[in-house]
Amino acid sequence: MRIILCDDDTAFTQVFEKRLLTVFKKYGIAPEIVSAHTGVEALREITRRPTDVLFLDIDMPEKDGFSVAEELSAMPLKPLIIFLSGMEDLVYQSFAFQPFWFLRKTHLEELPQVTEKMLQILNSRQIHYTVTMNGSSTRIPITEIAYFESQGHYIVVHYNEKSLRFKARMSDIETALSKYFFVRCHVGYLLNCQFVQICSRTSVTLTDGTVLPVSRAKAEETQTAFMAYMRSLRP
């Protein structure tokens, strides 16, 4: 799970992050928490990597929280927005941006309740790919899958710094996941565009530094899919 905490008050973000980690520990979850101190930073982080939740201050320089929420409104896979503010008089105004919650900085005791409901929503809308091997099944959120690799009659799925090897046909996986910005960059690789950092006509570099080949026959299709994904992140 990836969470962005956007607030220009550095001291508050440090305290809130510790509090948030304590709440998640009760669920056995260790989320990735990224701090952003301006709305511009938050938008850049969301564009760079898929994000599940955005805790968003309203009163910030450069770009306030409402402006950030408005820019995110057209995203097909936008994060859950939780306004985090001491300006309680803005709660009704915030409804125009359809946030998941308005958490008052003076009432952080509500955080466990907010977290429980947040996890319910995320679990209900999560799309999974199911890997079956040796009679057992593993459901993997597609937002965690970086790529599939063909190895003879087997497929290796690389996700969340782990991998699983199972029997399947790459063409079947491609058909199932193509609408979620997965593209066959090479006969041996099916790539999740969400993890691409650099895309050229001969290779792609992923956010973790992994470099995958792009075949000549798949170069245009790969670049088209990657550009479509990048466009989907913008209003």
Protein backbone atom coordinates (compact mmCIF):
# COMPACT_ATOMS: atom_id res chain seq x y z
CA MET A 1 0.00 0.00 0.00
CA ARG A 2 1.30 3.45 -0.94
CA ILE A 3 0.22 6.54 0.96
CA ILE A 4 1.14 10.16 0.32
CA LEU A 5 1.01 12.58 3.22
CA CYS A 6 0.85 16.13 1.85
CA ASP A 7 1.22 18.95 4.36
CA ASP A 8 3.56 21.96 4.46
CA ASP A 9 3.99 21.56 8.22
CA THR A 10 7.02 19.25 8.45
CA ALA A 11 6.77 18.77 12.21
CA PHE A 12 3.13 17.70 11.92
CA THR A 13 3.83 15.24 9.08
CA GLN A 14 6.50 13.51 11.17
CA VAL A 15 4.15 13.12 14.13
CA PHE A 16 1.22 12.05 11.96
CA GLU A 17 3.29 9.48 10.06
CA LYS A 18 4.29 7.76 13.32
CA ARG A 19 0.67 7.75 14.43
CA LEU A 20 -0.45 6.33 11.09
CA LEU A 21 2.14 3.53 11.20
CA THR A 22 0.97 2.59 14.70
CA VAL A 23 -2.62 2.23 13.47
CA PHE A 24 -1.61 0.13 10.45
CA LYS A 25 0.56 -2.12 12.62
CA LYS A 26 -2.62 -3.46 14.22
CA TYR A 27 -3.64 -4.78 10.78
CA GLY A 28 -0.23 -6.27 10.05
CA ILE A 29 0.32 -3.72 7.28
CA ALA A 30 3.52 -1.71 6.74
CA PRO A 31 2.55 0.89 4.12
CA GLU A 32 4.97 2.95 2.07
CA ILE A 33 4.43 6.52 3.26
CA VAL A 34 5.75 9.38 1.13
CA SER A 35 5.82 12.91 2.53
CA ALA A 36 5.13 15.83 0.20
CA HIS A 37 5.25 19.41 1.42
CA THR A 38 3.46 21.09 -1.49
CA GLY A 39 0.55 20.21 -3.74
CA VAL A 40 2.92 20.19 -6.71
CA GLU A 41 5.11 17.57 -5.01
CA ALA A 42 2.06 15.41 -4.25
CA LEU A 43 0.85 15.51 -7.87
CA ARG A 44 4.33 14.61 -9.09
CA GLU A 45 4.51 11.62 -6.75
CA ILE A 46 1.06 10.38 -7.80
CA THR A 47 2.06 10.64 -11.46
CA ARG A 48 5.29 8.74 -10.77
CA ARG A 49 3.77 5.75 -8.96
CA PRO A 50 0.28 4.37 -8.33
CA THR A 51 -0.97 5.65 -4.97
CA ASP A 52 -3.75 4.25 -2.79
CA VAL A 53 -4.41 7.08 -0.35
CA LEU A 54 -3.66 10.80 -0.23
CA PHE A 55 -3.85 12.63 3.10
CA LEU A 56 -4.14 16.20 1.90
CA ASP A 57 -3.82 19.47 3.79
CA ILE A 58 -5.97 22.30 2.41
CA ASP A 59 -4.11 25.48 3.28
CA MET A 60 -0.76 25.21 1.46
CA PRO A 61 1.41 27.54 -0.65
CA GLU A 62 1.73 27.21 -4.46
CA LYS A 63 -1.25 24.91 -4.86
CA ASP A 64 -3.82 24.37 -2.12
CA GLY A 65 -5.51 21.08 -1.31
CA PHE A 66 -8.70 21.87 -3.21
CA SER A 67 -6.70 22.63 -6.37
CA VAL A 68 -4.87 19.31 -6.04
CA ALA A 69 -8.16 17.45 -5.56
CA GLU A 70 -9.61 19.13 -8.63
CA GLU A 71 -6.66 18.06 -10.78
CA LEU A 72 -7.03 14.49 -9.56
CA SER A 73 -10.77 14.35 -10.29
CA ALA A 74 -10.33 13.12 -13.87
CA MET A 75 -7.87 10.35 -13.03
CA PRO A 76 -9.31 6.85 -13.62
CA LEU A 77 -7.22 5.34 -10.81
CA LYS A 78 -7.03 8.26 -8.42
CA PRO A 79 -6.18 7.68 -4.76
CA LEU A 80 -8.67 8.00 -1.94
CA ILE A 81 -8.50 11.60 -0.76
CA ILE A 82 -8.65 12.36 2.95
CA PHE A 83 -8.54 16.07 3.66
CA LEU A 84 -6.42 16.67 6.74
CA SER A 85 -7.00 20.15 8.08
CA GLY A 86 -7.47 22.33 11.12
CA MET A 87 -9.82 24.57 9.16
CA GLU A 88 -13.07 22.95 10.22
CA ASP A 89 -15.15 25.64 8.49
CA LEU A 90 -14.08 24.17 5.12
CA VAL A 91 -15.62 20.75 5.71
CA TYR A 92 -18.77 21.48 3.69
CA GLN A 93 -16.83 23.19 0.90
CA SER A 94 -14.66 20.08 0.63
CA PHE A 95 -17.67 17.94 -0.34
CA ALA A 96 -17.50 19.39 -3.87
CA PHE A 97 -14.32 17.35 -4.43
CA GLN A 98 -15.87 14.09 -3.18
CA PRO A 99 -13.22 13.21 -0.61
CA PHE A 100 -13.33 9.92 1.22
CA TRP A 101 -13.08 11.75 4.55
CA PHE A 102 -12.40 15.08 6.24
CA LEU A 103 -10.11 14.43 9.20
CA ARG A 104 -9.73 17.35 11.59
CA LYS A 105 -6.25 17.86 12.98
CA THR A 106 -7.84 18.53 16.36
CA HIS A 107 -9.59 15.14 16.30
CA LEU A 108 -6.88 12.67 15.31
CA GLU A 109 -8.43 10.14 17.68
CA GLU A 110 -10.73 9.39 14.72
CA LEU A 111 -7.79 7.98 12.73
CA PRO A 112 -8.36 4.28 13.65
CA GLN A 113 -12.00 4.55 12.51
CA VAL A 114 -10.98 6.29 9.28
CA THR A 115 -8.30 3.65 8.62
CA GLU A 116 -10.71 0.75 9.09
CA LYS A 117 -13.22 2.20 6.62
CA MET A 118 -10.42 3.13 4.22
CA LEU A 119 -9.13 -0.45 4.14
CA GLN A 120 -12.63 -1.75 3.49
CA ILE A 121 -12.96 0.51 0.45
CA LEU A 122 -9.49 -0.35 -0.91
CA ASN A 123 -10.07 -4.08 -0.52
CA SER A 124 -13.42 -3.88 -2.29
CA ARG A 125 -12.09 -2.04 -5.32
CA GLN A 126 -8.78 -3.86 -5.68
CA ILE A 127 -8.31 -5.84 -8.89
CA HIS A 128 -6.31 -9.06 -8.51
CA TYR A 129 -4.61 -11.56 -10.78
CA THR A 130 -4.88 -15.13 -9.50
CA VAL A 131 -1.88 -17.44 -9.83
CA THR A 132 -2.65 -21.16 -9.50
CA MET A 133 0.10 -23.70 -8.84
CA ASN A 134 0.21 -27.08 -7.12
CA GLY A 135 -3.48 -26.91 -6.39
CA SER A 136 -3.31 -23.64 -4.46
CA SER A 137 -4.10 -20.09 -5.54
CA THR A 138 -2.45 -16.75 -4.79
CA ARG A 139 -4.28 -13.50 -5.48
CA ILE A 140 -1.95 -10.63 -6.39
CA PRO A 141 -3.15 -7.01 -6.68
CA ILE A 142 -2.34 -5.94 -10.23
CA THR A 143 -1.02 -2.63 -8.91
CA GLU A 144 1.85 -4.63 -7.34
CA ILE A 145 2.77 -6.57 -10.50
CA ALA A 146 5.72 -5.10 -12.39
CA TYR A 147 5.91 -7.66 -15.19
CA PHE A 148 5.42 -11.25 -16.32
CA GLU A 149 8.34 -13.19 -17.78
CA SER A 150 8.11 -16.25 -20.02
CA GLN A 151 10.39 -19.19 -19.19
CA GLY A 152 9.59 -22.07 -21.52
CA HIS A 153 6.21 -23.52 -20.53
CA TYR A 154 6.24 -21.46 -17.34
CA ILE A 155 5.51 -17.84 -16.46
CA VAL A 156 7.23 -15.90 -13.69
CA VAL A 157 5.29 -13.01 -12.19
CA HIS A 158 7.44 -10.32 -10.57
CA TYR A 159 5.64 -8.30 -7.92
CA ASN A 160 6.40 -6.38 -4.74
CA GLU A 161 10.04 -7.57 -4.73
CA LYS A 162 8.84 -11.20 -4.95
CA SER A 163 8.21 -13.69 -7.75
CA LEU A 164 6.12 -16.79 -8.45
CA ARG A 165 6.63 -19.40 -11.17
CA PHE A 166 3.56 -21.11 -12.59
CA LYS A 167 2.23 -22.74 -15.75
CA ALA A 168 0.21 -20.47 -18.04
CA ARG A 169 0.13 -18.98 -21.53
CA MET A 170 1.40 -15.44 -21.86
CA SER A 171 -1.24 -14.69 -24.49
CA ASP A 172 -4.03 -15.51 -22.02
CA ILE A 173 -2.54 -13.20 -19.38
CA GLU A 174 -2.12 -10.47 -21.98
CA THR A 175 -5.79 -10.73 -22.97
CA ALA A 176 -6.92 -10.56 -19.36
CA LEU A 177 -4.79 -7.56 -18.36
CA SER A 178 -4.39 -5.41 -21.50
CA LYS A 179 -7.16 -3.01 -20.40
CA TYR A 180 -5.19 -2.28 -17.22
CA PHE A 181 -2.17 -0.83 -19.10
CA PHE A 182 -0.22 -4.07 -19.42
CA VAL A 183 1.61 -4.34 -22.75
CA ARG A 184 3.60 -7.13 -24.43
CA CYS A 185 6.89 -5.29 -24.98
CA HIS A 186 8.62 -8.47 -26.14
CA VAL A 187 7.58 -12.04 -26.84
CA GLY A 188 8.98 -12.98 -23.44
CA TYR A 189 7.66 -10.08 -21.35
CA LEU A 190 4.32 -8.58 -20.40
CA LEU A 191 4.87 -5.23 -18.74
CA ASN A 192 2.81 -3.08 -16.36
CA CYS A 193 3.14 0.51 -17.64
CA GLN A 194 2.65 1.81 -14.11
CA PHE A 195 6.19 0.70 -13.28
CA VAL A 196 7.93 2.22 -16.32
CA GLN A 197 10.37 5.03 -15.64
CA ILE A 198 12.01 5.29 -19.07
CA CYS A 199 10.55 3.96 -22.32
CA SER A 200 12.57 3.79 -25.54
CA ARG A 201 12.17 1.84 -28.77
CA THR A 202 14.68 -0.82 -27.65
CA SER A 203 14.19 -1.12 -23.88
CA VAL A 204 12.22 -0.02 -20.84
CA THR A 205 13.66 0.85 -17.45
CA LEU A 206 11.43 0.17 -14.46
CA THR A 207 11.23 2.23 -11.28
CA ASP A 208 13.44 -0.30 -9.45
CA GLY A 209 16.13 -0.10 -12.15
CA THR A 210 15.23 -3.35 -13.95
CA VAL A 211 15.77 -3.09 -17.71
CA LEU A 212 13.57 -5.13 -20.06
CA PRO A 213 14.01 -5.49 -23.82
CA VAL A 214 11.56 -4.06 -26.34
CA SER A 215 11.43 -5.97 -29.62
CA ARG A 216 11.35 -4.14 -32.94
CA ALA A 217 7.90 -5.57 -33.66
CA LYS A 218 6.54 -4.32 -30.32
CA ALA A 219 8.25 -0.91 -30.13
CA GLU A 220 5.36 1.19 -31.40
CA GLU A 221 2.73 -0.72 -29.41
CA THR A 222 4.79 -0.39 -26.24
CA GLN A 223 5.28 3.36 -26.62
CA THR A 224 1.61 3.86 -27.48
CA ALA A 225 0.51 1.95 -24.37
CA PHE A 226 2.93 3.86 -22.15
CA MET A 227 1.76 7.23 -23.49
CA ALA A 228 -1.88 6.19 -22.98
CA TYR A 229 -1.07 5.35 -19.36
CA MET A 230 0.67 8.71 -18.84
CA ARG A 231 -2.30 10.56 -20.34
CA SER A 232 -4.64 8.71 -17.96
CA LEU A 233 -2.85 10.31 -15.01
CA ARG A 234 -3.68 13.82 -16.13
CA PRO A 235 -7.02 15.63 -16.15
